[in-house]
Amino acid sequence: MRRQEKMEGSLVLDAILDSVWQVADDLLRETFKQHEYGDVILSFVALRRLDCVAEDCKDEIRR
C-alpha cells in the first residue's frame, strides 16, 4: 500500500472514531461518566462483531 493510501485510510478511520465519540458524548452524557464511555462502546463493538461473525448461521443459532 502506498503512503498516500495509508494516510487517506488513517483520515477515514479518524473521522469514524470522531463520529463514534460524538455519538457517545451526545447519548451517554449524564447516563455514564466520561471515563466510562470506552467500556460502554467496547461492549457494543464486541456485540456487533459477534453479530457479523454469526451472520451466516443466525437461523441455526435462533433455533
Protein backbone atom coordinates (compact mmCIF):
# COMPACT_ATOMS: atom_id res chain seq x y z
CA MET A 1 0.00 0.00 0.00
CA ARG A 2 1.36 3.39 -0.85
CA ARG A 3 1.98 6.04 1.76
CA GLN A 4 -0.78 8.29 0.38
CA GLU A 5 -3.34 5.47 0.63
CA LYS A 6 -2.30 4.78 4.22
CA MET A 7 -2.70 8.44 5.10
CA GLU A 8 -6.15 8.59 3.49
CA GLY A 9 -7.18 5.41 5.31
CA SER A 10 -5.97 6.92 8.56
CA LEU A 11 -8.02 10.06 7.95
CA VAL A 12 -11.14 7.98 7.28
CA LEU A 13 -10.56 5.97 10.45
CA ASP A 14 -10.07 9.18 12.44
CA ALA A 15 -13.34 10.55 11.06
CA ILE A 16 -15.18 7.36 12.03
CA LEU A 17 -13.71 7.40 15.51
CA ASP A 18 -14.60 11.07 15.95
CA SER A 19 -18.16 10.26 14.90
CA VAL A 20 -18.42 7.37 17.37
CA TRP A 21 -17.14 9.53 20.22
CA GLN A 22 -19.53 12.36 19.26
CA VAL A 23 -22.48 9.96 19.40
CA ALA A 24 -21.22 8.64 22.70
CA ASP A 25 -20.95 12.15 24.06
CA ASP A 26 -24.46 13.05 22.87
CA LEU A 27 -26.19 9.85 24.04
CA LEU A 28 -24.22 8.78 27.07
CA ARG A 29 -23.75 12.10 28.78
CA GLU A 30 -25.46 12.16 32.18
CA THR A 31 -26.02 8.38 31.96
CA PHE A 32 -22.36 7.42 32.30
CA LYS A 33 -19.30 9.30 33.39
CA GLN A 34 -17.00 10.31 30.55
CA HIS A 35 -14.27 7.89 31.66
CA GLU A 36 -16.81 5.02 31.35
CA TYR A 37 -17.65 5.72 27.67
CA GLY A 38 -14.91 3.40 26.41
CA ASP A 39 -16.28 0.46 28.40
CA VAL A 40 -19.79 1.03 27.05
CA ILE A 41 -18.66 1.46 23.45
CA LEU A 42 -16.33 -1.53 23.65
CA SER A 43 -19.23 -3.72 24.77
CA PHE A 44 -21.35 -2.68 21.81
CA VAL A 45 -18.44 -3.12 19.39
CA ALA A 46 -17.90 -6.65 20.71
CA LEU A 47 -21.61 -7.46 20.29
CA ARG A 48 -21.59 -6.10 16.74
CA ARG A 49 -18.53 -8.15 15.85
CA LEU A 50 -20.21 -11.30 17.18
CA ASP A 51 -23.30 -10.42 15.16
CA CYS A 52 -21.21 -10.11 11.99
CA VAL A 53 -19.37 -13.38 12.60
CA ALA A 54 -22.63 -15.24 13.24
CA GLU A 55 -24.36 -13.76 10.16
CA ASP A 56 -24.14 -16.98 8.14
CA CYS A 57 -25.60 -19.19 10.84
CA LYS A 58 -28.12 -16.91 12.60
CA ASP A 59 -31.05 -19.19 11.73
CA GLU A 60 -29.33 -22.16 13.34
CA ILE A 61 -28.43 -20.13 16.41
CA ARG A 62 -32.02 -18.94 16.90
CA ARG A 63 -33.42 -22.48 16.94
